[in-house]
Structure formats: structure tokens, C-alpha cells
Protein backbone atom coordinates (compact mmCIF):
# COMPACT_ATOMS: atom_id res chain seq x y z
CA MET A 1 -62.33 40.52 -20.67
CA PHE A 2 -59.15 42.53 -21.60
CA GLY A 3 -57.81 42.72 -18.15
CA SER A 4 -58.72 39.28 -17.87
CA LEU A 5 -56.08 38.61 -20.57
CA ARG A 6 -53.18 40.79 -19.16
CA ARG A 7 -53.21 38.89 -15.77
CA LEU A 8 -53.17 35.64 -17.49
CA ALA A 9 -50.33 37.04 -19.85
CA GLN A 10 -48.33 38.69 -16.87
CA THR A 11 -48.70 35.23 -14.68
CA PHE A 12 -47.63 33.29 -17.87
CA LEU A 13 -44.56 35.17 -18.34
CA GLU A 14 -43.60 35.17 -14.53
CA LYS A 15 -44.08 31.31 -14.64
CA LEU A 16 -42.08 31.04 -17.78
CA ARG A 17 -39.14 33.14 -16.74
CA TRP A 18 -38.83 31.20 -13.28
CA LEU A 19 -39.28 27.86 -15.13
CA LEU A 20 -36.27 29.15 -17.64
CA THR A 21 -34.10 30.59 -14.85
CA ILE A 22 -35.17 29.25 -11.51
CA GLU A 23 -33.58 26.59 -9.71
CA THR A 24 -35.03 25.48 -6.34
CA HIS A 25 -33.18 23.98 -3.39
CA GLU A 26 -34.32 23.21 0.12
CA PHE A 27 -32.10 24.50 3.48
CA TYR A 28 -33.58 22.31 6.26
CA GLY A 29 -37.08 23.17 4.62
CA ILE A 30 -36.74 26.44 3.49
CA SER A 31 -37.11 27.06 -0.12
CA LEU A 32 -33.84 28.64 -1.75
CA HIS A 33 -35.21 29.72 -5.02
CA VAL A 34 -32.01 30.63 -7.43
CA HIS A 35 -31.32 32.23 -10.82
CA THR A 36 -29.45 30.30 -12.94
CA ASP A 37 -26.94 33.58 -13.55
CA ALA A 38 -25.90 33.49 -9.84
CA ASP A 39 -22.74 32.66 -8.92
CA GLU A 40 -22.13 29.44 -7.37
CA SER A 41 -21.09 31.22 -4.18
CA CYS A 42 -24.40 32.61 -3.87
CA LEU A 43 -26.35 29.49 -2.53
CA GLU A 44 -23.35 28.79 -0.12
CA LYS A 45 -23.34 32.43 0.90
CA VAL A 46 -27.20 32.33 2.05
CA THR A 47 -27.04 29.08 3.66
CA LYS A 48 -24.31 30.48 5.85
CA ALA A 49 -26.23 33.34 6.89
CA LEU A 50 -29.28 31.43 7.89
CA ASP A 51 -26.73 29.28 9.79
CA LEU A 52 -25.86 32.37 11.45
CA ILE A 53 -29.27 32.85 12.62
CA TRP A 54 -30.08 29.82 13.83
CA GLU A 55 -26.64 29.92 15.91
CA PHE A 56 -27.59 33.12 17.42
CA ASP A 57 -31.23 33.54 17.52
CA PRO A 58 -32.96 30.37 16.85
CA VAL A 59 -36.79 31.74 17.66
CA LYS A 60 -35.97 34.10 14.52
CA TYR A 61 -34.82 31.14 12.46
CA LYS A 62 -37.77 29.42 13.31
CA SER A 63 -40.08 32.07 12.43
CA ILE A 64 -39.16 32.37 8.78
CA PHE A 65 -41.08 29.26 8.32
CA ARG A 66 -43.98 31.10 9.09
CA LEU A 67 -43.46 34.48 7.89
CA LEU A 68 -41.30 33.19 4.55
CA PRO A 69 -43.44 30.25 3.57
CA GLY A 70 -42.34 31.37 -0.12
CA GLY A 71 -38.72 31.10 1.01
CA ILE A 72 -35.53 33.10 -0.19
CA ALA A 73 -35.12 34.07 -3.68
CA ILE A 74 -31.74 34.72 -4.94
CA ASP A 75 -33.04 36.39 -8.12
CA GLU A 76 -31.84 38.91 -11.18
CA PRO A 77 -30.80 42.57 -10.40
CA LYS A 78 -33.43 44.79 -9.23
CA ALA A 79 -33.24 48.68 -8.23
CA VAL A 80 -33.11 47.02 -4.55
CA SER A 81 -30.81 45.03 -2.88
CA ALA A 82 -33.06 42.99 -1.18
CA GLU A 83 -36.87 43.47 -0.31
CA TYR A 84 -39.73 41.62 1.25
CA LEU A 85 -42.26 40.03 -1.55
CA HIS A 86 -45.62 40.11 0.63
CA GLU A 87 -48.13 38.77 -2.73
CA ARG A 88 -45.47 35.42 -2.48
CA LYS A 89 -44.71 35.75 1.24
CA MET A 90 -40.50 35.64 0.27
CA CYS A 91 -37.44 37.50 0.99
CA TYR A 92 -36.33 38.67 -2.36
CA LEU A 93 -32.06 39.02 -2.68
CA ASN A 94 -30.23 40.53 -5.44
CA PHE A 95 -27.85 38.26 -6.84
CA ASP A 96 -25.54 41.06 -7.41
CA TYR A 97 -25.50 41.91 -3.59
CA VAL A 98 -24.96 38.35 -2.15
CA LYS A 99 -21.96 37.87 -4.61
CA ARG A 100 -20.66 41.46 -3.01
CA TYR A 101 -21.29 40.72 0.37
CA HIS A 102 -20.20 38.58 3.19
CA SER A 103 -22.39 35.51 5.00
CA GLU A 104 -22.79 38.06 7.90
CA ASP A 105 -23.98 41.06 5.87
CA ILE A 106 -26.60 38.82 4.35
CA SER A 107 -27.81 37.46 7.34
CA LEU A 108 -28.47 40.99 9.02
CA THR A 109 -30.30 41.58 5.39
CA ILE A 110 -32.75 38.54 5.99
CA VAL A 111 -33.38 39.74 9.65
CA HIS A 112 -34.42 43.34 8.22
CA GLU A 113 -36.71 41.64 5.58
CA LEU A 114 -38.09 39.25 8.33
CA CYS A 115 -39.35 42.00 10.19
CA HIS A 116 -41.08 43.21 7.33
CA ALA A 117 -42.77 40.45 6.87
CA ARG A 118 -43.89 40.30 10.89
CA LEU A 119 -45.07 43.88 10.69
CA MET A 120 -47.19 43.15 7.42
CA SER A 121 -48.73 39.78 9.33
CA HIS A 122 -49.97 41.99 11.97
CA GLY A 123 -51.73 44.20 9.75
CA ILE A 124 -48.96 47.26 9.60
CA GLY A 125 -48.96 48.13 6.04
CA TYR A 126 -46.26 50.41 4.18
CA THR A 127 -48.20 53.49 2.87
CA GLU A 128 -45.81 56.71 2.80
CA GLY A 129 -47.04 58.32 6.13
CA ILE A 130 -45.70 55.55 7.70
CA ARG A 131 -43.24 53.91 5.86
CA LEU A 132 -39.71 55.60 7.19
CA ARG A 133 -41.25 54.15 10.69
CA VAL A 134 -41.29 50.91 9.37
CA GLU A 135 -38.10 51.40 7.99
CA LYS A 136 -36.35 52.38 10.95
CA ALA A 137 -37.99 49.37 13.07
CA CYS A 138 -36.44 46.85 10.82
CA ILE A 139 -33.31 48.94 11.13
CA ARG A 140 -33.54 48.16 15.07
CA ARG A 141 -33.84 45.04 14.51
CA GLU A 142 -30.86 44.69 12.33
CA LEU A 143 -29.22 46.51 14.97
CA ALA A 144 -30.27 44.06 17.69
CA PHE A 145 -28.75 40.95 15.47
CA ALA A 146 -25.75 43.22 14.60
CA ILE A 147 -24.51 43.53 18.77
CA ILE A 148 -25.07 39.37 18.62
CA LEU A 149 -22.83 39.21 15.42
CA ASP A 150 -20.04 41.42 16.92
CA LEU A 151 -20.08 39.60 20.65
CA HIS A 152 -19.19 36.31 18.33
CA TYR A 153 -16.19 38.26 16.64
CA GLU A 154 -14.78 39.13 20.29
CA GLY A 155 -16.35 42.24 20.82
CA GLU A 156 -15.17 44.19 17.38
CA ASP A 157 -18.33 46.61 16.66
CA TYR A 158 -18.00 46.41 13.04
CA PHE A 159 -21.47 45.64 12.31
CA VAL A 160 -23.14 47.75 14.86
CA ASN A 161 -21.25 50.69 13.83
CA MET A 162 -22.25 49.61 10.04
CA ILE A 163 -26.03 49.41 11.17
CA LYS A 164 -25.70 52.68 13.39
CA SER A 165 -24.51 54.62 10.05
CA VAL A 166 -27.48 53.45 8.12
CA GLN A 167 -29.42 54.35 10.88
CA GLU A 168 -28.28 57.78 11.18
CA ASN A 169 -28.36 58.50 7.52
CA ILE A 170 -31.38 56.95 6.41
CA SER A 171 -33.19 59.56 4.09
CA PRO A 172 -36.95 60.12 4.36
CA GLU A 173 -36.70 61.11 0.50
CA ASN A 174 -35.77 57.57 -0.55
CA TYR A 175 -39.07 56.52 1.36
CA THR A 176 -41.65 58.64 -0.66
CA ASP A 177 -44.21 57.55 -3.10
CA ALA A 178 -42.36 59.36 -5.87
CA ALA A 179 -39.20 57.52 -5.27
CA PHE A 180 -40.59 54.06 -5.03
CA GLN A 181 -42.52 55.08 -8.56
CA MET A 182 -39.04 55.73 -10.10
CA ARG A 183 -37.69 52.46 -8.51
CA ALA A 184 -40.51 50.90 -9.92
CA ARG A 185 -40.02 52.11 -13.28
CA ARG A 186 -36.43 50.91 -12.93
CA ASN A 187 -37.14 47.34 -11.81
CA LEU A 188 -39.42 47.30 -14.83
CA LEU A 189 -36.85 48.15 -17.44
CA LEU A 190 -34.67 45.71 -15.76
CA ARG A 191 -37.28 42.75 -16.01
CA LEU A 192 -38.50 43.93 -19.65
CA ARG A 193 -34.74 43.56 -20.64
CA SER A 194 -34.51 40.06 -19.00
CA LEU A 195 -37.83 38.90 -20.84
CA LYS A 196 -36.22 39.88 -23.91
CA ASP A 197 -33.27 38.22 -23.55
CA LEU A 198 -35.32 34.92 -23.06
CA GLY A 199 -36.95 35.56 -26.16
CA ILE A 200 -40.42 36.44 -25.08
CA PRO A 201 -42.35 37.61 -27.77
CA GLY A 202 -42.98 41.54 -28.08
CA ILE A 203 -46.58 41.65 -27.28
CA LEU A 204 -46.49 39.75 -24.36
CA ARG A 205 -43.90 42.25 -22.73
CA ARG A 206 -46.24 45.26 -23.54
CA CYS A 207 -48.70 43.44 -21.79
CA ALA A 208 -46.49 43.19 -18.63
CA VAL A 209 -46.56 46.62 -18.85
CA VAL A 210 -49.68 47.50 -18.99
CA ARG A 211 -50.11 45.04 -15.98
CA HIS A 212 -47.48 46.56 -14.02
CA ARG A 213 -48.85 50.18 -14.30
CA ARG A 214 -52.67 49.13 -13.41
CA ARG A 215 -51.22 47.23 -10.41
CA ARG A 216 -49.17 50.11 -9.23
CA LEU A 217 -52.15 52.38 -9.52
CA ARG A 218 -53.83 50.08 -7.34
CA GLU A 219 -51.14 50.10 -4.47
CA GLY A 220 -50.80 53.75 -4.78
CA TRP A 221 -47.41 54.26 -5.79
CA VAL A 222 -48.63 56.35 -8.55
CA LYS A 223 -51.26 58.87 -8.59
CA LYS A 224 -53.98 58.68 -10.91
CA SER A 225 -54.69 61.20 -13.34
CA GLY A 226 -56.65 64.16 -12.31
CA SER A 227 -56.55 62.99 -8.38
CA ALA A 228 -55.24 65.50 -5.59
């Protein structure tokens, strides 16, 4: 009974947050969910990034409709700049990240998250044992698209060198369960601050905390007490 109430509270909180803070736009059939605190340029940058993908890799662009039916969310800051949200079949972009970077950078990020979505669609998960290999595969997709971008800019290697630097400096420690557990806690704190700013009652925020912890236990980011 209490578990059902917590799930209802979590669902209610998230729907309320979206209702109060998210505006949805359409870009040629792709849903773009934009936080009201996002800069006006954010939507323009993301649509331009999608235009770049369409121009340079139409097949990849068309796969967005199949792999990201939930669209793209330009949402409030989290502990990451971007991620693929499997439960929603959606690409999340931190609006602070979108503000700081150019459309070309954002197009590379979307290509990266699209690769995550494709791997998930083939049943390739994101457990600790394969997580680093999955990230490297997504970076290779970024690199392939970076080569095309650089050709467009008359052979300069700016984007290729940028992705190669990421590829060479990828840190295994950032992809452990412990690192993800810490990131999840940071995300929770950011989300709770947001809910408090919206005037959500404390009891509902506490329900959100409990629900978050239980979900992380099920997903395996946090080891249960007494487990090996």
C-alpha cells in the first residue's frame, strides 16, 4: 500500500513539475521539451543541431523518430550535461550546457545519446561490467560525425581533435557504480531544490527521496545492506 502511494506521489511530483516548468515544441515531428528557465537561444541551438544531423547524416536523423520517441528535453541542470533517459525514450540536455556550447557541439552530444538509445534497443544494457565499453562505442559514433563536421568547415580538425581528446582521457573511475551512486545523490539534491522552489510540500518531497532510493536499489546503483 505504502509503496503504491510513494509511486503515485513520485509520478504526481514529476507531472506537476513538467506542467509548471516545461513547454513543449515540435520540430518537424520531434518533440522538444524546454524548461521555462532555459535561455531563449537554447531552443534555437538545439533545432540548429538537429538541422546539422539532418544535413550530414539523414539516416541518423530519421532514426531519432524511432529511438527517441519521447523527444529531446532541454531541462534543468543535473550532475551530467546530457544523458539518454531509457524509461522515457528521451534525450536529456542540461540547459546550462546548451547555453554554453554551440550547435555543432550539441549535435555531437545528440549523436552520442542516440547511440546509447540504439544499444539499449538491441538489449545492450549499462551495467558496470560493460559501461566503459558502451561509452567508448558512443564516443566512436561522435568521432565519425565529427569528421563530417570538420569536412564541412574546410578540413579543419577542431571537432575531431576535441572528440579524440575525450576518447584518450576517458576515466574508468567515472563509470563505476560508486561514481553513479554519487551522481544520483547530486541529481536528487538538485531536483529537491527545484521542487522546494515550486512550493511542493515537504511530505511529498520526502516521498520522492524514498522512491528515488528504492529505484536505485532495484537498478543496482546502490548495494543493499549486507550484500557482497
